[in-house]
Amino acid sequence: MRSVPAESCRIRAIDPESFDTLTFDCYGTLIDWETGILRVLRRSPAATAQYSDEQLLAMYGAFEAEAERGDYVSYREILRGVARGFALRLGVPLPNEAEEILSSSVPDWPPFPDTQDALVRLGKKYRLVILSNIDRDLIAQSVARIDARIDLIITAEEARAYKPSPEFFDYALPRVSSDLGRVVHVAQSKYHDIAPVTARGMRAIWVNRRHDRPGSGATPPVEATPTLTVRSLGELADTLLPL
C-alpha cells in the first residue's frame, strides 16, 4: 500500500468529489519563476554578489508589488519597472534595451519538474483553469512549455488588474464558474492568491514550494490560512486522485 505524507493527509478534509474545477496560479506554482528570475539577476555577478538569493527575491517581490498597485499597465511594463528598481538599488547603469531583460526571459522560466505530470493526471478528473498576473502572449509561451491541457486561461491583461486586487477576482471568478462552491484555487503565493481567495470564502490549497527555505521568496510576506497545504503538485495529485 502506498504511504501518503502526513501533511498531505489533511487534504482528505476536502472531498475530491465536492468540486469539479481547479484554478491555478501560474508563476511560482506551475512555473519556477524564482529560478528564472535569479538566472537573470546573476548575469551581473559583480553587482549582485553582496546579496543572497533570498535578498534578491525579496527585492523583486517588493518592486513588483509596488508597480502592480498603480493603474494597470502591461506586465512587460511592470517588469521594466522592476528592472529599473534593481538598477537603482544595485547602482548599475541600465541602457534602455536592458529594461527588457526580465520580460524577454519569461518564456525561458522552467516549469517545476512535477507540473506536467500532475496536470495531466488532474485533468482526467477536473477542469483546469489558470489565473495569472501576466500578458496573454507571455503565458502562451509558458503553457506551451508545460505541455498539458488547460481549459481556460484568464490574465491580468484581460482583467486590467493584478492579483491580489479585488478587481482581478471580480473579473475572473464569474468567468470560471457560476458556482464557486465547485471551485478550489491552488497557488504558492499567499499574498497574491491564498489571502484574497479565502477572504471571499473560497477553498484554497497552498502549494508550499518553499517548504525547505525561509521567507516568502519573490512574493511579499502576508498572513493567510489556506484550507489545506501540500508541498508539490505531485503530492496534490497523489492525494486527490484514486490509487
Protein backbone atom coordinates (compact mmCIF):
# COMPACT_ATOMS: atom_id res chain seq x y z
CA MET A 1 0.00 0.00 0.00
CA ARG A 2 1.32 3.44 -0.91
CA SER A 3 2.09 5.68 2.05
CA VAL A 4 0.89 9.28 1.94
CA PRO A 5 2.90 12.02 3.71
CA ALA A 6 1.27 13.03 6.98
CA GLU A 7 0.94 16.65 5.94
CA SER A 8 -0.91 15.76 2.74
CA CYS A 9 -3.45 13.61 4.61
CA ARG A 10 -5.17 16.81 5.66
CA ILE A 11 -6.38 17.23 2.09
CA ARG A 12 -8.90 14.49 2.79
CA ALA A 13 -10.85 17.23 4.60
CA ILE A 14 -11.78 18.30 1.06
CA ASP A 15 -13.91 15.67 -0.58
CA PRO A 16 -12.39 15.18 -4.06
CA GLU A 17 -15.92 14.75 -5.39
CA SER A 18 -17.11 18.09 -3.96
CA PHE A 19 -15.63 20.19 -6.78
CA ASP A 20 -15.07 19.90 -10.50
CA THR A 21 -12.72 22.80 -11.23
CA LEU A 22 -9.19 23.59 -10.08
CA THR A 23 -7.87 27.10 -10.68
CA PHE A 24 -4.12 27.62 -10.57
CA ASP A 25 -1.74 30.47 -10.19
CA CYS A 26 0.97 30.02 -12.83
CA TYR A 27 4.26 31.70 -11.86
CA GLY A 28 5.54 30.23 -8.64
CA THR A 29 3.04 27.38 -8.72
CA LEU A 30 3.36 25.79 -12.17
CA ILE A 31 6.41 27.70 -13.42
CA ASP A 32 9.59 28.03 -11.34
CA TRP A 33 9.84 31.78 -11.69
CA GLU A 34 12.31 32.19 -8.83
CA THR A 35 14.88 30.13 -10.71
CA GLY A 36 14.18 32.17 -13.85
CA ILE A 37 14.45 35.48 -12.01
CA LEU A 38 17.71 34.56 -10.31
CA ARG A 39 19.27 33.40 -13.58
CA VAL A 40 18.70 36.89 -14.96
CA LEU A 41 19.86 38.77 -11.89
CA ARG A 42 23.02 36.69 -11.51
CA ARG A 43 24.13 37.71 -15.01
CA SER A 44 25.67 40.72 -13.24
CA PRO A 45 27.69 38.91 -10.56
CA ALA A 46 29.71 41.95 -9.55
CA ALA A 47 26.53 43.90 -8.81
CA THR A 48 24.67 41.09 -7.03
CA ALA A 49 27.49 39.33 -5.17
CA GLN A 50 26.75 41.16 -1.93
CA TYR A 51 23.17 39.84 -1.86
CA SER A 52 21.90 36.34 -1.18
CA ASP A 53 19.32 34.70 -3.44
CA GLU A 54 16.67 35.31 -0.81
CA GLN A 55 17.52 39.01 -0.60
CA LEU A 56 17.31 39.39 -4.37
CA LEU A 57 13.96 37.60 -4.49
CA ALA A 58 12.61 39.79 -1.68
CA MET A 59 13.64 42.88 -3.66
CA TYR A 60 11.86 41.51 -6.72
CA GLY A 61 8.70 40.89 -4.73
CA ALA A 62 8.72 44.42 -3.31
CA PHE A 63 9.41 46.11 -6.66
CA GLU A 64 6.76 44.08 -8.47
CA ALA A 65 4.06 44.54 -5.83
CA GLU A 66 4.61 48.29 -5.76
CA ALA A 67 4.36 48.54 -9.55
CA GLU A 68 1.16 46.49 -9.63
CA ARG A 69 -0.63 48.73 -7.12
CA GLY A 70 -0.95 51.60 -9.59
CA ASP A 71 -3.09 52.00 -12.67
CA TYR A 72 -2.99 48.99 -14.95
CA VAL A 73 -0.05 48.68 -17.32
CA SER A 74 1.09 45.57 -19.15
CA TYR A 75 3.21 43.02 -17.30
CA ARG A 76 6.04 43.86 -19.67
CA GLU A 77 5.91 47.38 -18.31
CA ILE A 78 5.78 46.04 -14.75
CA LEU A 79 8.98 44.10 -15.45
CA ARG A 80 10.62 47.16 -16.97
CA GLY A 81 9.91 48.95 -13.70
CA VAL A 82 11.33 46.04 -11.72
CA ALA A 83 14.49 46.12 -13.84
CA ARG A 84 14.84 49.86 -13.21
CA GLY A 85 14.34 49.28 -9.49
CA PHE A 86 17.17 46.75 -9.42
CA ALA A 87 19.44 49.03 -11.40
CA LEU A 88 18.86 51.83 -8.92
CA ARG A 89 19.30 49.56 -5.87
CA LEU A 90 22.42 47.87 -7.25
CA GLY A 91 23.94 51.06 -8.65
CA VAL A 92 24.24 49.62 -12.15
CA PRO A 93 23.60 51.85 -15.20
CA LEU A 94 20.75 50.38 -17.24
CA PRO A 95 20.65 51.05 -21.00
CA ASN A 96 17.13 51.30 -22.42
CA GLU A 97 17.36 47.92 -24.13
CA ALA A 98 18.32 46.28 -20.82
CA GLU A 99 14.90 47.19 -19.40
CA GLU A 100 13.59 44.24 -21.42
CA ILE A 101 15.92 41.74 -19.73
CA LEU A 102 13.27 40.33 -17.38
CA SER A 103 10.32 40.28 -19.77
CA SER A 104 12.39 38.63 -22.51
CA SER A 105 13.38 35.90 -20.05
CA VAL A 106 9.82 34.85 -19.10
CA PRO A 107 9.46 32.23 -21.88
CA ASP A 108 12.64 30.58 -20.55
CA TRP A 109 11.41 30.26 -16.94
CA PRO A 110 11.17 26.50 -16.40
CA PRO A 111 8.12 24.52 -15.27
CA PHE A 112 8.59 22.69 -11.98
CA PRO A 113 9.57 19.06 -12.60
CA ASP A 114 6.21 17.78 -11.32
CA THR A 115 3.97 20.24 -13.16
CA GLN A 116 3.26 18.45 -16.41
CA ASP A 117 2.62 15.02 -14.91
CA ALA A 118 0.40 16.41 -12.16
CA LEU A 119 -1.72 18.49 -14.56
CA VAL A 120 -2.13 15.58 -16.97
CA ARG A 121 -3.33 13.41 -14.10
CA LEU A 122 -5.59 16.05 -12.56
CA GLY A 123 -7.00 16.94 -15.97
CA LYS A 124 -8.53 13.47 -16.26
CA LYS A 125 -10.91 14.34 -13.41
CA TYR A 126 -11.07 18.14 -13.15
CA ARG A 127 -11.45 21.18 -15.33
CA LEU A 128 -8.16 23.12 -15.17
CA VAL A 129 -8.00 26.93 -15.22
CA ILE A 130 -5.08 29.35 -14.88
CA LEU A 131 -5.49 32.80 -13.25
CA SER A 132 -2.29 34.76 -13.80
CA ASN A 133 -0.70 38.19 -13.39
CA ILE A 134 0.76 38.21 -16.90
CA ASP A 135 0.29 39.27 -20.51
CA ARG A 136 -1.60 36.86 -22.74
CA ASP A 137 1.23 36.24 -25.21
CA LEU A 138 3.78 35.60 -22.46
CA ILE A 139 1.68 32.99 -20.70
CA ALA A 140 1.00 31.25 -24.01
CA GLN A 141 4.71 30.52 -24.25
CA SER A 142 4.84 29.24 -20.67
CA VAL A 143 1.82 26.98 -21.15
CA ALA A 144 3.43 25.57 -24.28
CA ARG A 145 6.40 24.56 -22.13
CA ILE A 146 4.12 22.88 -19.61
CA ASP A 147 2.55 20.82 -22.41
CA ALA A 148 -0.64 19.82 -20.60
CA ARG A 149 -4.31 20.56 -21.30
CA ILE A 150 -5.54 23.83 -19.81
CA ASP A 151 -9.24 24.52 -20.28
CA LEU A 152 -9.25 28.27 -19.62
CA ILE A 153 -6.67 30.99 -19.04
CA ILE A 154 -7.55 34.38 -17.56
CA THR A 155 -4.83 37.02 -17.33
CA ALA A 156 -4.31 40.40 -15.76
CA GLU A 157 -4.21 41.79 -19.29
CA GLU A 158 -7.86 40.83 -19.73
CA ALA A 159 -8.91 41.86 -16.21
CA ARG A 160 -6.93 45.14 -16.42
CA ALA A 161 -5.92 44.50 -12.84
CA TYR A 162 -3.41 42.43 -10.88
CA LYS A 163 -3.85 39.95 -8.06
CA PRO A 164 -4.39 40.41 -5.14
CA SER A 165 -6.71 43.27 -6.08
CA PRO A 166 -10.46 42.59 -5.82
CA GLU A 167 -10.83 43.87 -9.38
CA PHE A 168 -8.91 40.90 -10.76
CA PHE A 169 -11.06 38.36 -8.96
CA ASP A 170 -14.28 40.27 -9.69
CA TYR A 171 -13.45 39.86 -13.37
CA ALA A 172 -12.01 36.35 -13.33
CA LEU A 173 -14.14 34.28 -10.98
CA PRO A 174 -17.54 34.71 -12.69
CA ARG A 175 -15.86 33.57 -15.90
CA VAL A 176 -14.57 30.43 -14.17
CA SER A 177 -17.89 29.22 -12.81
CA SER A 178 -21.35 30.32 -11.74
CA ASP A 179 -20.94 28.06 -8.69
CA LEU A 180 -17.70 28.89 -6.87
CA GLY A 181 -18.50 26.21 -4.33
CA ARG A 182 -17.41 23.76 -7.03
CA VAL A 183 -14.05 25.51 -7.48
CA VAL A 184 -10.82 25.12 -5.48
CA HIS A 185 -7.92 27.50 -6.03
CA VAL A 186 -4.33 26.21 -5.97
CA ALA A 187 -1.37 28.55 -5.52
CA GLN A 188 2.04 29.10 -3.98
CA SER A 189 1.66 32.81 -3.18
CA LYS A 190 -0.26 33.64 -0.05
CA TYR A 191 -0.02 37.33 -0.96
CA HIS A 192 -1.39 37.14 -4.50
CA ASP A 193 -3.77 34.21 -4.15
CA ILE A 194 -4.42 32.45 -0.85
CA ALA A 195 -5.30 35.57 1.15
CA PRO A 196 -7.70 37.17 -1.36
CA VAL A 197 -9.38 33.89 -2.33
CA THR A 198 -10.02 32.68 1.22
CA ALA A 199 -11.27 36.17 2.13
CA ARG A 200 -14.00 35.55 -0.44
CA GLY A 201 -14.99 32.33 1.28
CA MET A 202 -13.48 30.06 -1.35
CA ARG A 203 -11.40 26.99 -0.64
CA ALA A 204 -7.71 27.29 -1.41
CA ILE A 205 -4.82 24.85 -1.40
CA TRP A 206 -1.40 26.28 -0.66
CA VAL A 207 1.43 24.64 -2.59
CA ASN A 208 4.29 25.31 -0.21
CA ARG A 209 7.04 25.16 -2.82
CA ARG A 210 9.43 26.88 -0.39
CA HIS A 211 8.94 24.44 2.49
CA ASP A 212 12.70 23.89 2.73
CA ARG A 213 13.65 27.58 2.60
CA PRO A 214 12.98 30.57 4.84
CA GLY A 215 10.94 33.60 3.88
CA SER A 216 8.36 34.16 1.17
CA GLY A 217 10.71 34.49 -1.78
CA ALA A 218 9.57 36.64 -4.70
CA THR A 219 6.22 37.47 -3.06
CA PRO A 220 5.64 39.88 -0.17
CA PRO A 221 5.02 38.19 3.19
CA VAL A 222 1.43 38.06 4.38
CA GLU A 223 -0.55 36.02 6.89
CA ALA A 224 -3.19 33.77 5.37
CA THR A 225 -4.68 30.44 6.32
CA PRO A 226 -5.19 28.03 3.41
CA THR A 227 -7.83 25.36 3.55
CA LEU A 228 -5.09 22.78 3.03
CA THR A 229 -1.34 22.62 2.41
CA VAL A 230 0.76 20.42 0.13
CA ARG A 231 4.42 20.69 -0.80
CA SER A 232 4.13 19.99 -4.52
CA LEU A 233 1.66 19.42 -7.32
CA GLY A 234 2.70 15.79 -7.36
CA GLU A 235 1.55 15.49 -3.76
CA LEU A 236 -1.69 17.22 -4.67
CA ALA A 237 -2.38 14.79 -7.49
CA ASP A 238 -1.48 11.80 -5.30
CA THR A 239 -3.97 12.80 -2.65
CA LEU A 240 -6.88 13.94 -4.84
CA LEU A 241 -6.88 11.04 -7.25
CA PRO A 242 -7.75 7.42 -6.52
CA LEU A 243 -4.96 4.86 -6.14
